[in-house]
């Protein structure tokens, strides 16, 4: 999966509604490390 701006925004919305980064990674089809790269913990 290519992390296009749309995919990153989808992940951001999922996190905002309470999903974990692991859940976001599973749905998008990437690893958790990739999620942290594009959506770092604050």
PDB file of N, CA and C in Angstrom:
ATOM      1  N   UNK A   1       0.854  -1.190   0.000  1.00  0.00           N
ATOM      2  CA  UNK A   1       0.000   0.000   0.000  1.00  0.00           C
ATOM      3  C   UNK A   1       0.887   1.237   0.000  1.00  0.00           C
ATOM      4  N   UNK A   2       0.598   2.140  -0.897  1.00  0.00           N
ATOM      5  CA  UNK A   2       1.319   3.405  -0.955  1.00  0.00           C
ATOM      6  C   UNK A   2       0.623   4.387  -0.021  1.00  0.00           C
ATOM      7  N   UNK A   3       1.409   5.069   0.779  1.00  0.00           N
ATOM      8  CA  UNK A   3       0.849   6.009   1.749  1.00  0.00           C
ATOM      9  C   UNK A   3       0.603   7.358   1.080  1.00  0.00           C
ATOM     10  N   UNK A   4      -0.464   7.416   0.302  1.00  0.00           N
ATOM     11  CA  UNK A   4      -0.856   8.664  -0.347  1.00  0.00           C
ATOM     12  C   UNK A   4      -1.456   9.592   0.709  1.00  0.00           C
ATOM     13  N   UNK A   5      -1.582  10.874   0.401  1.00  0.00           N
ATOM     14  CA  UNK A   5      -2.214  11.784   1.368  1.00  0.00           C
ATOM     15  C   UNK A   5      -3.608  11.317   1.788  1.00  0.00           C
ATOM     16  N   UNK A   6      -4.334  10.696   0.869  1.00  0.00           N
ATOM     17  CA  UNK A   6      -5.678  10.214   1.201  1.00  0.00           C
ATOM     18  C   UNK A   6      -5.613   9.069   2.212  1.00  0.00           C
ATOM     19  N   UNK A   7      -4.646   8.177   2.034  1.00  0.00           N
ATOM     20  CA  UNK A   7      -4.496   7.047   2.956  1.00  0.00           C
ATOM     21  C   UNK A   7      -4.074   7.556   4.330  1.00  0.00           C
ATOM     22  N   UNK A   8      -3.161   8.522   4.356  1.00  0.00           N
ATOM     23  CA  UNK A   8      -2.718   9.094   5.631  1.00  0.00           C
ATOM     24  C   UNK A   8      -3.899   9.757   6.335  1.00  0.00           C
ATOM     25  N   UNK A   9      -4.712  10.479   5.591  1.00  0.00           N
ATOM     26  CA  UNK A   9      -5.881  11.138   6.185  1.00  0.00           C
ATOM     27  C   UNK A   9      -6.867  10.110   6.720  1.00  0.00           C
ATOM     28  N   UNK A  10      -7.041   9.018   6.001  1.00  0.00           N
ATOM     29  CA  UNK A  10      -7.921   7.943   6.483  1.00  0.00           C
ATOM     30  C   UNK A  10      -7.414   7.406   7.821  1.00  0.00           C
ATOM     31  N   UNK A  11      -6.111   7.194   7.904  1.00  0.00           N
ATOM     32  CA  UNK A  11      -5.521   6.735   9.157  1.00  0.00           C
ATOM     33  C   UNK A  11      -5.720   7.737  10.277  1.00  0.00           C
ATOM     34  N   UNK A  12      -5.558   9.010   9.946  1.00  0.00           N
ATOM     35  CA  UNK A  12      -5.749  10.069  10.946  1.00  0.00           C
ATOM     36  C   UNK A  12      -7.188  10.063  11.469  1.00  0.00           C
ATOM     37  N   UNK A  13      -8.143   9.890  10.561  1.00  0.00           N
ATOM     38  CA  UNK A  13      -9.556   9.848  10.978  1.00  0.00           C
ATOM     39  C   UNK A  13      -9.827   8.636  11.853  1.00  0.00           C
ATOM     40  N   UNK A  14      -9.239   7.495  11.497  1.00  0.00           N
ATOM     41  CA  UNK A  14      -9.432   6.281  12.303  1.00  0.00           C
ATOM     42  C   UNK A  14      -8.890   6.486  13.717  1.00  0.00           C
ATOM     43  N   UNK A  15      -7.708   7.091  13.830  1.00  0.00           N
ATOM     44  CA  UNK A  15      -7.136   7.350  15.152  1.00  0.00           C
ATOM     45  C   UNK A  15      -8.025   8.305  15.947  1.00  0.00           C
ATOM     46  N   UNK A  16      -8.586   9.302  15.264  1.00  0.00           N
ATOM     47  CA  UNK A  16      -9.435  10.284  15.938  1.00  0.00           C
ATOM     48  C   UNK A  16     -10.701   9.648  16.501  1.00  0.00           C
ATOM     49  N   UNK A  17     -11.144   8.556  15.880  1.00  0.00           N
ATOM     50  CA  UNK A  17     -12.364   7.901  16.365  1.00  0.00           C
ATOM     51  C   UNK A  17     -12.073   6.777  17.344  1.00  0.00           C
ATOM     52  N   UNK A  18     -10.794   6.657  17.754  1.00  0.00           N
ATOM     53  CA  UNK A  18     -10.473   5.714  18.815  1.00  0.00           C
ATOM     54  C   UNK A  18      -9.767   4.440  18.406  1.00  0.00           C
ATOM     55  N   UNK A  19      -9.434   4.281  17.128  1.00  0.00           N
ATOM     56  CA  UNK A  19      -8.716   3.077  16.700  1.00  0.00           C
ATOM     57  C   UNK A  19      -7.274   3.138  17.197  1.00  0.00           C
ATOM     58  N   UNK A  20      -6.686   1.986  17.429  1.00  0.00           N
ATOM     59  CA  UNK A  20      -5.271   1.939  17.795  1.00  0.00           C
ATOM     60  C   UNK A  20      -4.431   1.989  16.525  1.00  0.00           C
ATOM     61  N   UNK A  21      -3.158   2.285  16.682  1.00  0.00           N
ATOM     62  CA  UNK A  21      -2.276   2.293  15.514  1.00  0.00           C
ATOM     63  C   UNK A  21      -2.172   0.900  14.909  1.00  0.00           C
ATOM     64  N   UNK A  22      -2.239  -0.133  15.739  1.00  0.00           N
ATOM     65  CA  UNK A  22      -2.210  -1.508  15.223  1.00  0.00           C
ATOM     66  C   UNK A  22      -3.437  -1.764  14.348  1.00  0.00           C
ATOM     67  N   UNK A  23      -4.609  -1.313  14.799  1.00  0.00           N
ATOM     68  CA  UNK A  23      -5.833  -1.496  14.014  1.00  0.00           C
ATOM     69  C   UNK A  23      -5.747  -0.736  12.697  1.00  0.00           C
ATOM     70  N   UNK A  24      -5.237   0.481  12.745  1.00  0.00           N
ATOM     71  CA  UNK A  24      -5.080   1.274  11.523  1.00  0.00           C
ATOM     72  C   UNK A  24      -4.147   0.552  10.554  1.00  0.00           C
ATOM     73  N   UNK A  25      -3.032   0.047  11.070  1.00  0.00           N
ATOM     74  CA  UNK A  25      -2.071  -0.671  10.228  1.00  0.00           C
ATOM     75  C   UNK A  25      -2.711  -1.890   9.581  1.00  0.00           C
ATOM     76  N   UNK A  26      -3.487  -2.641  10.354  1.00  0.00           N
ATOM     77  CA  UNK A  26      -4.141  -3.841   9.824  1.00  0.00           C
ATOM     78  C   UNK A  26      -5.126  -3.489   8.709  1.00  0.00           C
ATOM     79  N   UNK A  27      -5.914  -2.445   8.913  1.00  0.00           N
ATOM     80  CA  UNK A  27      -6.929  -2.064   7.922  1.00  0.00           C
ATOM     81  C   UNK A  27      -6.268  -1.536   6.645  1.00  0.00           C
ATOM     82  N   UNK A  28      -5.251  -0.694   6.799  1.00  0.00           N
ATOM     83  CA  UNK A  28      -4.601  -0.099   5.635  1.00  0.00           C
ATOM     84  C   UNK A  28      -3.712  -1.116   4.925  1.00  0.00           C
ATOM     85  N   UNK A  29      -3.170  -2.049   5.681  1.00  0.00           N
ATOM     86  CA  UNK A  29      -2.332  -3.078   5.076  1.00  0.00           C
ATOM     87  C   UNK A  29      -0.850  -2.762   5.120  1.00  0.00           C
ATOM     88  N   UNK A  30      -0.436  -2.047   6.155  1.00  0.00           N
ATOM     89  CA  UNK A  30       0.980  -1.731   6.343  1.00  0.00           C
ATOM     90  C   UNK A  30       1.387  -2.126   7.754  1.00  0.00           C
ATOM     91  N   UNK A  31       2.667  -1.991   8.054  1.00  0.00           N
ATOM     92  CA  UNK A  31       3.156  -2.293   9.387  1.00  0.00           C
ATOM     93  C   UNK A  31       2.936  -1.128  10.340  1.00  0.00           C
ATOM     94  N   UNK A  32       2.996  -1.433  11.626  1.00  0.00           N
ATOM     95  CA  UNK A  32       2.821  -0.394  12.641  1.00  0.00           C
ATOM     96  C   UNK A  32       3.929   0.660  12.524  1.00  0.00           C
ATOM     97  N   UNK A  33       5.145   0.245  12.173  1.00  0.00           N
ATOM     98  CA  UNK A  33       6.243   1.208  12.012  1.00  0.00           C
ATOM     99  C   UNK A  33       5.903   2.252  10.953  1.00  0.00           C
ATOM    100  N   UNK A  34       5.240   1.818   9.894  1.00  0.00           N
ATOM    101  CA  UNK A  34       4.848   2.750   8.836  1.00  0.00           C
ATOM    102  C   UNK A  34       3.822   3.743   9.356  1.00  0.00           C
ATOM    103  N   UNK A  35       2.885   3.266  10.166  1.00  0.00           N
ATOM    104  CA  UNK A  35       1.886   4.166  10.753  1.00  0.00           C
ATOM    105  C   UNK A  35       2.573   5.216  11.617  1.00  0.00           C
ATOM    106  N   UNK A  36       3.530   4.802  12.455  1.00  0.00           N
ATOM    107  CA  UNK A  36       4.245   5.763  13.297  1.00  0.00           C
ATOM    108  C   UNK A  36       5.064   6.745  12.463  1.00  0.00           C
ATOM    109  N   UNK A  37       5.559   6.305  11.312  1.00  0.00           N
ATOM    110  CA  UNK A  37       6.330   7.197  10.440  1.00  0.00           C
ATOM    111  C   UNK A  37       5.452   8.331   9.915  1.00  0.00           C
ATOM    112  N   UNK A  38       4.246   7.988   9.490  1.00  0.00           N
ATOM    113  CA  UNK A  38       3.356   8.988   8.900  1.00  0.00           C
ATOM    114  C   UNK A  38       2.434   9.653   9.915  1.00  0.00           C
ATOM    115  N   UNK A  39       2.139   8.960  11.008  1.00  0.00           N
ATOM    116  CA  UNK A  39       1.261   9.498  12.052  1.00  0.00           C
ATOM    117  C   UNK A  39       1.957   9.326  13.399  1.00  0.00           C
ATOM    118  N   UNK A  40       3.001  10.127  13.657  1.00  0.00           N
ATOM    119  CA  UNK A  40       3.771   9.933  14.886  1.00  0.00           C
ATOM    120  C   UNK A  40       2.939  10.203  16.137  1.00  0.00           C
ATOM    121  N   UNK A  41       3.313   9.532  17.210  1.00  0.00           N
ATOM    122  CA  UNK A  41       2.655   9.756  18.496  1.00  0.00           C
ATOM    123  C   UNK A  41       3.026  11.154  18.983  1.00  0.00           C
ATOM    124  N   UNK A  42       2.068  11.818  19.593  1.00  0.00           N
ATOM    125  CA  UNK A  42       2.338  13.181  20.069  1.00  0.00           C
ATOM    126  C   UNK A  42       2.451  13.216  21.568  1.00  0.00           C
TER     127      UNK A  42
END
